[in-house]
């Protein structure tokens, strides 16, 4: 009997249909296993998202909003609009309150993602950077190709001084199909150079000499962080500052930096060949010169023999006015500075590579005006 069974099994094993049936069974088992695994992962992500949403304690809403939340069939769109209105009006606390209550009442994972995105942005704009970062990272666990959230995560790391993490987020952003837009790619490249500069300048383990060489090399390569580099060198390496400054044909973009120099910090002999730079310090009263005098009479024999003030050379009007006041008036003037964003045209009292208003990057335009000196 057993021999007959073995013969039957051997016959089935040799039958081509038996092999096909086994193959189909294996495929079906793998499909169901993969389906079950995906369902398990989705359920796990949903539970993790719900637990993460519960970790933020919500504040109580007004009675009218609570009633609307319970009675409306789809309260999400109008309440999201209301929260965004609060956020744009500057009432971040009210917007956060609405978003947190929406998180408590919403069960749909996709709706939770939408709410978390808005909540993270409000936290970022309100200055709660750690909370914003946690939310952005949680969103990217389930939606890693969300370029908007990647951009906000990069800016959050940047604001927190985590420049290496910001560079990593920037690399991810660059890999997600941004190469099709030349303008955006250029902006990302400028942002990359800025983050590398900040990473170098904040690296306390890098030897100072090597750090300065790499920062200067980055400036020459980029051509977009000239002010940042000169500002850094002015603070930490004054000798290299003057050397690099003389390589620029036009120094008006860093007039505010030069205006901060004290009298004993200016190497007159080194800059005597640059009449445009000398104009700045004549206007400040560091060197006295008649309107048609030669620089040789100011700096002595150290000046190059053919160096002189060219009366036909274009001069900055503000510096010319201050020079005349220095030579012919007892009234003294000075310059005050503001900074204008290229994109939104807003004026700010301080310089920033990223506009505080529109968040666009790039060196700002220098705006200066004459005012009477109180000294």
Protein backbone atom coordinates (compact mmCIF):
# COMPACT_ATOMS: atom_id res chain seq x y z
CA UNK A 1 0.00 0.00 0.00
CA UNK A 2 2.76 2.37 0.93
CA UNK A 3 4.59 1.56 -2.30
CA UNK A 4 1.47 2.50 -4.29
CA UNK A 5 1.21 5.83 -2.44
CA UNK A 6 4.84 6.59 -3.17
CA UNK A 7 4.27 5.75 -6.82
CA UNK A 8 1.25 8.12 -6.88
CA UNK A 9 3.24 10.94 -5.26
CA UNK A 10 6.09 10.37 -7.68
CA UNK A 11 3.64 10.52 -10.56
CA UNK A 12 2.19 13.80 -9.27
CA UNK A 13 5.68 15.24 -8.71
CA UNK A 14 6.57 14.47 -12.34
CA UNK A 15 3.31 16.02 -13.59
CA UNK A 16 3.99 19.59 -14.95
CA UNK A 17 0.63 20.78 -13.62
CA UNK A 18 1.72 19.91 -10.08
CA UNK A 19 4.73 22.23 -10.36
CA UNK A 20 2.56 25.02 -11.69
CA UNK A 21 0.09 24.55 -8.84
CA UNK A 22 2.91 24.74 -6.28
CA UNK A 23 4.25 27.89 -7.92
CA UNK A 24 0.82 29.52 -7.91
CA UNK A 25 0.35 28.59 -4.26
CA UNK A 26 3.70 30.15 -3.34
CA UNK A 27 2.80 33.35 -5.23
CA UNK A 28 -0.58 33.54 -3.50
CA UNK A 29 1.03 33.04 -0.09
CA UNK A 30 3.61 35.79 -0.81
CA UNK A 31 0.90 38.20 -2.02
CA UNK A 32 -1.20 37.67 1.09
CA UNK A 33 1.89 37.93 3.30
CA UNK A 34 2.93 41.20 1.66
CA UNK A 35 -0.63 42.53 1.92
CA UNK A 36 -0.77 41.62 5.59
CA UNK A 37 2.61 43.20 6.24
CA UNK A 38 1.56 46.44 4.52
CA UNK A 39 -1.68 46.53 6.50
CA UNK A 40 0.28 45.97 9.71
CA UNK A 41 2.71 48.78 8.85
CA UNK A 42 -0.11 51.15 7.94
CA UNK A 43 -1.89 50.34 11.20
CA UNK A 44 1.34 50.83 13.10
CA UNK A 45 1.93 54.21 11.43
CA UNK A 46 -1.63 55.26 12.18
CA UNK A 47 -1.26 54.33 15.85
CA UNK A 48 2.08 56.14 16.03
CA UNK A 49 0.51 59.22 14.43
CA UNK A 50 -2.40 59.17 16.88
CA UNK A 51 -0.06 58.76 19.85
CA UNK A 52 2.10 61.60 18.56
CA UNK A 53 -0.95 63.84 18.18
CA UNK A 54 -2.06 63.00 21.73
CA UNK A 55 1.35 64.01 23.07
CA UNK A 56 0.39 67.66 22.52
CA UNK A 57 -2.06 68.74 25.16
CA UNK A 58 -4.92 70.74 23.73
CA UNK A 59 -6.52 73.79 25.26
CA UNK A 60 -10.25 74.28 25.44
CA UNK A 61 -12.02 76.02 22.58
CA UNK A 62 -14.92 78.39 22.84
CA UNK A 63 -18.35 76.83 23.28
CA UNK A 64 -19.45 77.88 19.79
CA UNK A 65 -16.46 76.19 18.14
CA UNK A 66 -16.86 73.05 20.21
CA UNK A 67 -20.52 72.82 19.22
CA UNK A 68 -19.63 73.41 15.58
CA UNK A 69 -16.94 70.74 15.80
CA UNK A 70 -19.45 68.15 16.99
CA UNK A 71 -22.42 69.10 14.79
CA UNK A 72 -20.79 69.80 11.43
CA UNK A 73 -20.44 66.90 9.02
CA UNK A 74 -17.07 68.10 7.75
CA UNK A 75 -15.71 70.79 10.10
CA UNK A 76 -12.12 70.48 8.89
CA UNK A 77 -12.07 72.97 5.93
CA UNK A 78 -13.73 75.93 7.71
CA UNK A 79 -11.76 75.42 10.93
CA UNK A 80 -8.49 75.12 9.01
CA UNK A 81 -9.34 78.38 7.27
CA UNK A 82 -10.17 79.98 10.61
CA UNK A 83 -6.90 78.78 12.14
CA UNK A 84 -4.90 80.12 9.16
CA UNK A 85 -6.69 83.46 9.53
CA UNK A 86 -5.67 83.61 13.19
CA UNK A 87 -2.10 82.69 12.26
CA UNK A 88 -1.87 85.39 9.55
CA UNK A 89 -3.30 87.93 12.00
CA UNK A 90 -0.50 87.09 14.45
CA UNK A 91 -2.66 85.22 16.97
CA UNK A 92 -0.61 82.02 16.97
CA UNK A 93 -2.06 80.85 20.29
CA UNK A 94 -5.62 80.73 18.90
CA UNK A 95 -4.45 78.97 15.73
CA UNK A 96 -2.52 76.35 17.73
CA UNK A 97 -5.56 75.81 19.96
CA UNK A 98 -7.78 75.06 16.95
CA UNK A 99 -5.23 72.72 15.35
CA UNK A 100 -4.76 70.74 18.58
CA UNK A 101 -8.51 70.28 19.02
CA UNK A 102 -8.85 69.22 15.41
CA UNK A 103 -6.16 66.60 16.02
CA UNK A 104 -8.16 65.21 18.94
CA UNK A 105 -11.38 64.97 16.96
CA UNK A 106 -10.01 63.67 13.63
CA UNK A 107 -9.51 59.95 13.00
CA UNK A 108 -8.56 60.02 9.31
CA UNK A 109 -4.72 59.69 9.00
CA UNK A 110 -4.63 61.90 5.87
CA UNK A 111 -6.54 64.66 7.66
CA UNK A 112 -4.17 64.36 10.62
CA UNK A 113 -1.22 64.91 8.27
CA UNK A 114 -2.85 68.06 6.87
CA UNK A 115 -3.48 69.39 10.37
CA UNK A 116 0.04 68.49 11.54
CA UNK A 117 1.55 70.31 8.57
CA UNK A 118 -0.33 73.49 9.45
CA UNK A 119 0.42 73.08 13.16
CA UNK A 120 4.14 72.59 12.51
CA UNK A 121 4.27 75.73 10.34
CA UNK A 122 2.51 77.78 13.03
CA UNK A 123 4.91 76.45 15.68
CA UNK A 124 7.85 77.38 13.44
CA UNK A 125 6.57 80.90 12.77
CA UNK A 126 5.79 81.38 16.47
CA UNK A 127 9.32 80.35 17.44
CA UNK A 128 8.58 76.94 18.99
CA UNK A 129 11.35 75.37 16.95
CA UNK A 130 11.76 72.06 18.78
CA UNK A 131 8.03 71.32 18.56
CA UNK A 132 8.02 72.28 14.90
CA UNK A 133 11.00 70.02 14.21
CA UNK A 134 9.36 67.06 15.96
CA UNK A 135 6.19 67.49 13.88
CA UNK A 136 8.07 67.84 10.59
CA UNK A 137 10.12 64.71 11.30
CA UNK A 138 6.97 62.77 12.20
CA UNK A 139 5.29 63.82 8.93
CA UNK A 140 8.35 62.85 6.89
CA UNK A 141 8.28 59.35 8.38
CA UNK A 142 5.10 58.65 6.42
CA UNK A 143 5.50 61.20 3.59
CA UNK A 144 9.26 61.46 2.90
CA UNK A 145 8.72 63.23 -0.44
CA UNK A 146 6.85 66.20 1.01
CA UNK A 147 9.04 69.04 -0.32
CA UNK A 148 7.20 71.77 1.58
CA UNK A 149 7.83 70.10 4.93
CA UNK A 150 11.43 69.31 3.94
CA UNK A 151 11.93 73.01 3.24
CA UNK A 152 10.50 73.95 6.63
CA UNK A 153 12.61 71.28 8.32
CA UNK A 154 15.73 72.74 6.68
CA UNK A 155 14.82 76.24 7.90
CA UNK A 156 14.08 74.90 11.38
CA UNK A 157 17.49 73.25 11.61
CA UNK A 158 19.03 76.48 10.29
CA UNK A 159 17.25 78.58 12.92
CA UNK A 160 18.39 76.19 15.64
CA UNK A 161 22.00 76.38 14.49
CA UNK A 162 21.99 72.74 13.34
CA UNK A 163 23.68 73.46 10.03
CA UNK A 164 24.80 69.89 9.27
CA UNK A 165 21.21 68.64 9.64
CA UNK A 166 20.03 71.58 7.52
CA UNK A 167 22.49 70.55 4.79
CA UNK A 168 21.16 66.98 4.91
CA UNK A 169 17.60 68.24 4.49
CA UNK A 170 18.77 70.47 1.63
CA UNK A 171 20.37 67.49 -0.13
CA UNK A 172 17.09 65.55 0.15
CA UNK A 173 15.20 68.54 -1.20
CA UNK A 174 17.60 68.82 -4.13
CA UNK A 175 17.13 65.15 -5.00
CA UNK A 176 13.34 65.37 -5.20
CA UNK A 177 13.08 66.65 -8.75
CA UNK A 178 14.00 70.30 -8.27
CA UNK A 179 16.50 70.18 -11.13
CA UNK A 180 13.74 71.06 -13.58
CA UNK A 181 13.59 74.64 -12.27
CA UNK A 182 16.80 76.54 -12.91
CA UNK A 183 15.82 79.39 -10.58
CA UNK A 184 15.04 77.01 -7.72
CA UNK A 185 18.22 75.03 -8.31
CA UNK A 186 20.23 78.27 -8.17
CA UNK A 187 18.50 79.22 -4.93
CA UNK A 188 19.30 75.81 -3.43
CA UNK A 189 22.93 76.20 -4.51
CA UNK A 190 23.14 79.60 -2.82
CA UNK A 191 21.54 78.12 0.27
CA UNK A 192 24.07 75.30 0.25
CA UNK A 193 26.99 77.73 0.13
CA UNK A 194 25.46 79.74 2.97
CA UNK A 195 24.98 76.65 5.15
CA UNK A 196 28.53 75.47 4.44
CA UNK A 197 29.79 78.92 5.43
CA UNK A 198 27.81 78.81 8.68
CA UNK A 199 29.00 75.27 9.37
CA UNK A 200 32.63 76.31 8.87
CA UNK A 201 32.33 79.48 10.91
CA UNK A 202 30.74 77.59 13.83
CA UNK A 203 33.19 74.67 13.77
CA UNK A 204 35.23 75.06 16.95
CA UNK A 205 37.33 71.96 16.22
CA UNK A 206 38.69 73.21 12.90
CA UNK A 207 42.08 74.99 13.19
CA UNK A 208 41.64 78.74 12.82
CA UNK A 209 44.08 79.10 9.93
CA UNK A 210 42.44 76.28 7.95
CA UNK A 211 38.98 77.62 8.75
CA UNK A 212 39.80 81.06 7.36
CA UNK A 213 41.37 79.62 4.21
CA UNK A 214 38.32 77.44 3.54
CA UNK A 215 35.89 80.30 4.14
CA UNK A 216 37.81 82.56 1.73
CA UNK A 217 37.97 79.77 -0.87
CA UNK A 218 34.21 79.28 -0.51
CA UNK A 219 33.64 83.02 -1.06
CA UNK A 220 35.73 83.00 -4.24
CA UNK A 221 33.90 79.90 -5.49
CA UNK A 222 30.41 81.09 -4.63
CA UNK A 223 30.47 84.81 -5.30
CA UNK A 224 27.23 85.06 -3.29
CA UNK A 225 28.50 85.32 0.27
CA UNK A 226 30.91 88.24 -0.10
CA UNK A 227 29.38 90.36 2.67
CA UNK A 228 29.11 87.40 5.03
CA UNK A 229 32.75 86.50 4.53
CA UNK A 230 34.03 90.05 4.85
CA UNK A 231 31.93 90.54 7.98
CA UNK A 232 33.44 87.38 9.43
CA UNK A 233 37.01 88.38 8.52
CA UNK A 234 36.45 91.89 9.87
CA UNK A 235 35.61 90.32 13.23
CA UNK A 236 38.15 87.48 13.39
CA UNK A 237 41.02 88.18 10.97
CA UNK A 238 41.48 91.87 10.23
CA UNK A 239 44.66 91.35 8.17
CA UNK A 240 42.93 88.99 5.74
CA UNK A 241 39.94 91.33 5.69
CA UNK A 242 41.97 94.19 4.20
CA UNK A 243 43.72 91.85 1.79
CA UNK A 244 40.45 90.40 0.46
CA UNK A 245 38.74 93.79 0.39
CA UNK A 246 41.34 95.20 -1.99
CA UNK A 247 40.50 92.43 -4.50
CA UNK A 248 37.01 93.89 -5.07
CA UNK A 249 36.65 96.57 -7.73
CA UNK A 250 33.60 98.01 -5.97
CA UNK A 251 33.44 98.10 -2.16
CA UNK A 252 30.18 100.02 -1.79
CA UNK A 253 28.35 96.80 -0.83
CA UNK A 254 30.32 96.69 2.45
CA UNK A 255 30.30 100.42 3.20
CA UNK A 256 28.62 99.77 6.55
CA UNK A 257 31.42 97.41 7.60
CA UNK A 258 34.10 99.95 6.72
CA UNK A 259 32.14 102.70 8.46
CA UNK A 260 32.51 100.81 11.75
CA UNK A 261 36.32 101.05 11.62
CA UNK A 262 38.06 103.10 14.28
CA UNK A 263 40.80 105.54 13.39
CA UNK A 264 43.67 103.37 14.61
CA UNK A 265 42.31 100.28 12.81
CA UNK A 266 42.69 101.69 9.29
CA UNK A 267 45.93 100.73 7.46
CA UNK A 268 46.21 103.95 5.44
CA UNK A 269 49.45 102.92 3.73
CA UNK A 270 47.90 99.60 2.59
CA UNK A 271 44.75 101.13 1.09
CA UNK A 272 46.30 104.35 -0.28
CA UNK A 273 46.12 103.03 -3.84
CA UNK A 274 42.33 102.74 -3.59
CA UNK A 275 40.84 106.23 -3.80
CA UNK A 276 37.29 104.86 -3.38
CA UNK A 277 38.20 103.35 -0.01
CA UNK A 278 40.12 106.47 0.98
CA UNK A 279 36.96 108.50 0.29
CA UNK A 280 35.22 106.63 3.11
CA UNK A 281 37.83 107.53 5.69
CA UNK A 282 38.14 111.11 4.46
CA UNK A 283 34.35 111.37 4.93
CA UNK A 284 34.75 110.01 8.46
CA UNK A 285 37.43 112.59 9.20
CA UNK A 286 40.22 110.09 9.76
CA UNK A 287 42.33 111.89 7.14
CA UNK A 288 42.01 115.53 6.25
CA UNK A 289 42.17 116.61 2.64
CA UNK A 290 41.14 119.66 0.65
CA UNK A 291 38.75 119.00 -2.18
CA UNK A 292 41.53 118.80 -4.77
CA UNK A 293 44.42 117.49 -2.65
CA UNK A 294 46.59 114.54 -3.48
CA UNK A 295 46.66 111.45 -1.31
CA UNK A 296 50.46 111.67 -1.21
CA UNK A 297 50.10 114.69 1.11
CA UNK A 298 47.92 112.62 3.41
CA UNK A 299 49.84 109.37 3.72
CA UNK A 300 53.35 110.66 2.98
CA UNK A 301 56.01 108.76 1.09
CA UNK A 302 54.30 105.37 1.59
CA UNK A 303 51.74 106.16 -1.10
CA UNK A 304 52.42 105.08 -4.71
CA UNK A 305 53.86 108.00 -6.70
CA UNK A 306 51.01 108.19 -9.23
CA UNK A 307 48.13 107.79 -6.75
CA UNK A 308 45.85 110.81 -6.42
CA UNK A 309 42.22 111.73 -6.10
CA UNK A 310 40.71 111.81 -9.53
CA UNK A 311 38.20 114.66 -9.62
CA UNK A 312 36.48 113.01 -12.62
CA UNK A 313 36.00 109.70 -10.79
CA UNK A 314 32.38 108.97 -9.82
CA UNK A 315 31.93 109.31 -6.07
CA UNK A 316 29.14 108.34 -3.74
CA UNK A 317 27.05 111.45 -3.16
CA UNK A 318 26.75 110.81 0.58
CA UNK A 319 30.52 110.52 1.00
CA UNK A 320 31.09 113.66 -1.04
CA UNK A 321 28.66 115.62 1.16
CA UNK A 322 30.38 114.42 4.32
CA UNK A 323 33.78 115.25 2.82
CA UNK A 324 32.67 118.81 2.12
CA UNK A 325 31.29 119.12 5.67
CA UNK A 326 34.61 117.93 7.05
CA UNK A 327 36.55 120.49 5.02
CA UNK A 328 34.29 123.57 5.17
CA UNK A 329 31.82 123.30 8.04
CA UNK A 330 31.75 122.96 11.79
CA UNK A 331 28.75 120.62 11.42
CA UNK A 332 29.63 116.96 11.29
CA UNK A 333 27.64 114.24 9.65
CA UNK A 334 27.55 110.46 9.68
CA UNK A 335 25.81 107.64 7.84
CA UNK A 336 23.01 105.41 9.06
CA UNK A 337 22.29 102.09 7.37
CA UNK A 338 19.32 99.94 6.54
CA UNK A 339 18.97 96.75 4.51
CA UNK A 340 16.44 96.13 1.75
CA UNK A 341 15.35 92.68 0.60
CA UNK A 342 15.69 92.05 -3.15
CA UNK A 343 12.34 90.31 -3.35
CA UNK A 344 9.79 91.87 -1.00
CA UNK A 345 11.54 95.32 -0.86
CA UNK A 346 11.03 95.58 2.89
CA UNK A 347 13.58 97.54 4.92
CA UNK A 348 15.24 96.17 8.04
CA UNK A 349 17.60 97.74 10.60
CA UNK A 350 19.86 94.67 10.55
CA UNK A 351 21.48 92.55 7.89
CA UNK A 352 20.36 88.98 7.30
CA UNK A 353 21.11 86.49 4.55
CA UNK A 354 17.52 85.20 4.76
CA UNK A 355 14.83 87.88 4.65
CA UNK A 356 12.87 87.91 7.93
CA UNK A 357 9.70 88.83 6.05
CA UNK A 358 9.55 86.72 2.87
CA UNK A 359 12.24 84.12 3.84
CA UNK A 360 14.03 84.52 0.50
CA UNK A 361 17.80 84.11 0.64
CA UNK A 362 20.52 86.37 -0.73
CA UNK A 363 22.56 89.35 0.33
CA UNK A 364 20.39 92.40 0.92
CA UNK A 365 20.78 95.79 -0.71
CA UNK A 366 22.56 98.34 1.45
CA UNK A 367 20.61 101.56 2.00
CA UNK A 368 22.33 104.51 3.66
CA UNK A 369 21.42 108.11 4.47
CA UNK A 370 23.18 111.12 5.92
CA UNK A 371 22.33 112.35 9.39
CA UNK A 372 23.89 114.86 11.73
CA UNK A 373 26.53 113.41 13.99
CA UNK A 374 25.99 113.70 17.72
CA UNK A 375 29.67 113.22 18.50
